[in-house]
C-alpha atoms as a PDB file:
ATOM      1  CA  MET A   1      43.154  20.046  21.762  1.00  0.00           C
ATOM      2  CA  LYS A   2      44.195  16.810  19.790  1.00  0.00           C
ATOM      3  CA  GLN A   3      42.782  13.681  20.705  1.00  0.00           C
ATOM      4  CA  THR A   4      44.586  10.494  20.374  1.00  0.00           C
ATOM      5  CA  PHE A   5      43.372   7.524  18.062  1.00  0.00           C
ATOM      6  CA  LEU A   6      42.220   5.589  21.054  1.00  0.00           C
ATOM      7  CA  ALA A   7      40.198   8.316  22.519  1.00  0.00           C
ATOM      8  CA  ARG A   8      38.434   9.015  18.992  1.00  0.00           C
ATOM      9  CA  LEU A   9      37.696   5.132  18.930  1.00  0.00           C
ATOM     10  CA  LEU A  10      36.245   5.227  22.424  1.00  0.00           C
ATOM     11  CA  GLN A  11      34.107   8.222  21.657  1.00  0.00           C
ATOM     12  CA  SER A  12      32.994   6.611  18.439  1.00  0.00           C
ATOM     13  CA  ARG A  13      31.892   3.398  20.197  1.00  0.00           C
ATOM     14  CA  ARG A  14      30.094   5.568  22.923  1.00  0.00           C
ATOM     15  CA  LEU A  15      28.199   7.217  20.029  1.00  0.00           C
ATOM     16  CA  LEU A  16      27.515   3.776  18.474  1.00  0.00           C
ATOM     17  CA  LYS A  17      26.116   2.556  21.679  1.00  0.00           C
ATOM     18  CA  SER A  18      23.839   5.578  22.055  1.00  0.00           C
ATOM     19  CA  VAL A  19      22.521   5.068  18.417  1.00  0.00           C
ATOM     20  CA  GLU A  20      21.806   1.232  19.312  1.00  0.00           C
ATOM     21  CA  ARG A  21      19.698   2.347  22.335  1.00  0.00           C
ATOM     22  CA  LEU A  22      17.759   4.778  20.513  1.00  0.00           C
ATOM     23  CA  VAL A  23      17.166   2.124  17.797  1.00  0.00           C
ATOM     24  CA  ARG A  24      15.772  -0.409  20.586  1.00  0.00           C
ATOM     25  CA  ALA A  25      13.645   2.331  22.050  1.00  0.00           C
ATOM     26  CA  GLN A  26      12.091   3.129  18.528  1.00  0.00           C
ATOM     27  CA  GLU A  27      11.529  -0.511  18.001  1.00  0.00           C
ATOM     28  CA  ALA A  28       9.836  -0.951  21.439  1.00  0.00           C
ATOM     29  CA  GLN A  29       7.823   2.049  20.867  1.00  0.00           C
ATOM     30  CA  THR A  30       6.578   0.787  17.216  1.00  0.00           C
ATOM     31  CA  ALA A  31       5.672  -2.554  19.045  1.00  0.00           C
ATOM     32  CA  LEU A  32       3.668  -0.700  21.657  1.00  0.00           C
ATOM     33  CA  LEU A  33       1.785   1.389  19.086  1.00  0.00           C
ATOM     34  CA  GLU A  34       1.090  -1.741  16.912  1.00  0.00           C
ATOM     35  CA  ARG A  35      -0.613  -3.358  19.859  1.00  0.00           C
ATOM     36  CA  LEU A  36      -2.550   0.073  20.675  1.00  0.00           C
ATOM     37  CA  VAL A  37      -3.814   0.095  17.036  1.00  0.00           C
ATOM     38  CA  VAL A  38      -4.973  -3.520  17.276  1.00  0.00           C
ATOM     39  CA  HIS A  39      -6.591  -2.818  20.421  1.00  0.00           C
ATOM     40  CA  ILE A  40      -8.487   0.195  19.162  1.00  0.00           C
ATOM     41  CA  VAL A  41      -9.115  -0.864  15.627  1.00  0.00           C
ATOM     42  CA  GLY A  42      -8.988  -4.633  15.822  1.00  0.00           C
ATOM     43  CA  PRO A  43      -6.835  -7.186  14.149  1.00  0.00           C
ATOM     44  CA  GLU A  44      -5.736  -6.452  10.560  1.00  0.00           C
ATOM     45  CA  THR A  45      -7.878  -8.144   7.961  1.00  0.00           C
ATOM     46  CA  PRO A  46      -6.332  -9.576   4.864  1.00  0.00           C
ATOM     47  CA  ALA A  47      -6.596  -7.378   1.840  1.00  0.00           C
ATOM     48  CA  ALA A  48      -9.023  -8.353  -0.680  1.00  0.00           C
ATOM     49  CA  SER A  49      -7.701  -9.940  -4.048  1.00  0.00           C
ATOM     50  CA  PRO A  50      -8.775  -8.447  -7.452  1.00  0.00           C
ATOM     51  CA  ASP A  51     -10.895 -11.512  -8.072  1.00  0.00           C
ATOM     52  CA  ASP A  52     -12.827 -10.723  -4.732  1.00  0.00           C
ATOM     53  CA  LEU A  53     -13.097  -7.223  -5.869  1.00  0.00           C
ATOM     54  CA  ARG A  54     -14.656  -8.097  -9.137  1.00  0.00           C
ATOM     55  CA  VAL A  55     -17.126 -10.422  -7.343  1.00  0.00           C
ATOM     56  CA  PHE A  56     -18.431  -7.532  -5.323  1.00  0.00           C
ATOM     57  CA  SER A  57     -18.429  -4.934  -8.302  1.00  0.00           C
ATOM     58  CA  GLY A  58     -21.665  -2.984  -8.410  1.00  0.00           C
ATOM     59  CA  VAL A  59     -21.257  -2.740 -12.317  1.00  0.00           C
ATOM     60  CA  THR A  60     -24.232  -4.247 -14.175  1.00  0.00           C
ATOM     61  CA  PHE A  61     -25.227  -4.030 -17.628  1.00  0.00           C
ATOM     62  CA  SER A  62     -28.464  -4.342 -19.597  1.00  0.00           C
ATOM     63  CA  ARG A  63     -27.327  -5.132 -23.014  1.00  0.00           C
ATOM     64  CA  ASP A  64     -24.887  -7.811 -24.137  1.00  0.00           C
ATOM     65  CA  SER A  65     -23.305  -5.454 -26.660  1.00  0.00           C
ATOM     66  CA  GLU A  66     -22.414  -3.075 -23.648  1.00  0.00           C
ATOM     67  CA  GLN A  67     -21.159  -5.937 -21.730  1.00  0.00           C
ATOM     68  CA  GLY A  68     -18.852  -7.219 -24.632  1.00  0.00           C
ATOM     69  CA  GLN A  69     -17.583  -3.654 -25.011  1.00  0.00           C
ATOM     70  CA  ILE A  70     -16.772  -2.814 -21.409  1.00  0.00           C
ATOM     71  CA  LEU A  71     -15.104  -6.419 -20.882  1.00  0.00           C
ATOM     72  CA  ASP A  72     -12.822  -5.709 -23.902  1.00  0.00           C
ATOM     73  CA  PHE A  73     -11.953  -2.280 -22.492  1.00  0.00           C
ATOM     74  CA  ILE A  74     -11.226  -3.804 -19.048  1.00  0.00           C
ATOM     75  CA  ALA A  75      -8.808  -6.171 -20.722  1.00  0.00           C
ATOM     76  CA  ARG A  76      -7.100  -3.368 -22.673  1.00  0.00           C
ATOM     77  CA  PHE A  77      -7.134  -1.047 -19.664  1.00  0.00           C
ATOM     78  CA  HIS A  78      -5.428  -3.573 -17.619  1.00  0.00           C
ATOM     79  CA  ALA A  79      -2.933  -4.463 -19.978  1.00  0.00           C
ATOM     80  CA  ALA A  80      -1.994  -0.783 -20.339  1.00  0.00           C
ATOM     81  CA  SER A  81      -2.029   0.321 -16.659  1.00  0.00           C
ATOM     82  CA  GLY A  82      -1.808  -2.960 -14.667  1.00  0.00           C
ATOM     83  CA  ARG A  83      -4.954  -2.272 -12.645  1.00  0.00           C
ATOM     84  CA  GLU A  84      -8.769  -2.628 -13.091  1.00  0.00           C
ATOM     85  CA  PRO A  85     -10.622   0.599 -14.229  1.00  0.00           C
ATOM     86  CA  THR A  86     -12.972   2.084 -11.733  1.00  0.00           C
ATOM     87  CA  GLU A  87     -16.504   2.386 -12.431  1.00  0.00           C
ATOM     88  CA  GLU A  88     -16.320   5.926 -13.373  1.00  0.00           C
ATOM     89  CA  GLU A  89     -13.591   5.027 -15.956  1.00  0.00           C
ATOM     90  CA  MET A  90     -15.975   2.396 -17.383  1.00  0.00           C
ATOM     91  CA  LEU A  91     -18.702   4.639 -17.390  1.00  0.00           C
ATOM     92  CA  GLU A  92     -16.811   7.400 -19.292  1.00  0.00           C
ATOM     93  CA  TYR A  93     -15.578   4.912 -21.798  1.00  0.00           C
ATOM     94  CA  LEU A  94     -19.314   3.723 -22.585  1.00  0.00           C
ATOM     95  CA  GLU A  95     -20.285   7.542 -22.795  1.00  0.00           C
ATOM     96  CA  GLY A  96     -17.452   7.847 -25.506  1.00  0.00           C
ATOM     97  CA  ARG A  97     -15.374  10.329 -23.240  1.00  0.00           C
ATOM     98  CA  PRO A  98     -11.636   9.734 -23.242  1.00  0.00           C
ATOM     99  CA  VAL A  99     -10.266   7.670 -20.414  1.00  0.00           C
END
């Protein structure tokens, strides 16, 4: 059965309207889920900055030479990878293992 151009156009429009309704329903569901998460977990807290994380780091050094070595390692690691090394990576470096 051949459909006329107008019939295909109307069918496409109905399909588009159905997709738009699905999108609106999905957006409404997402908003409700976000409200539910906030209700259960609490409001979102802002992410900590790298400076904040450095302040709360538990890494301590007993010798100035180790501190100098590790600060140099942190600078080189950050330049190479774009992130701060983990405590485990710093300890591996001090123990002479490859990082």
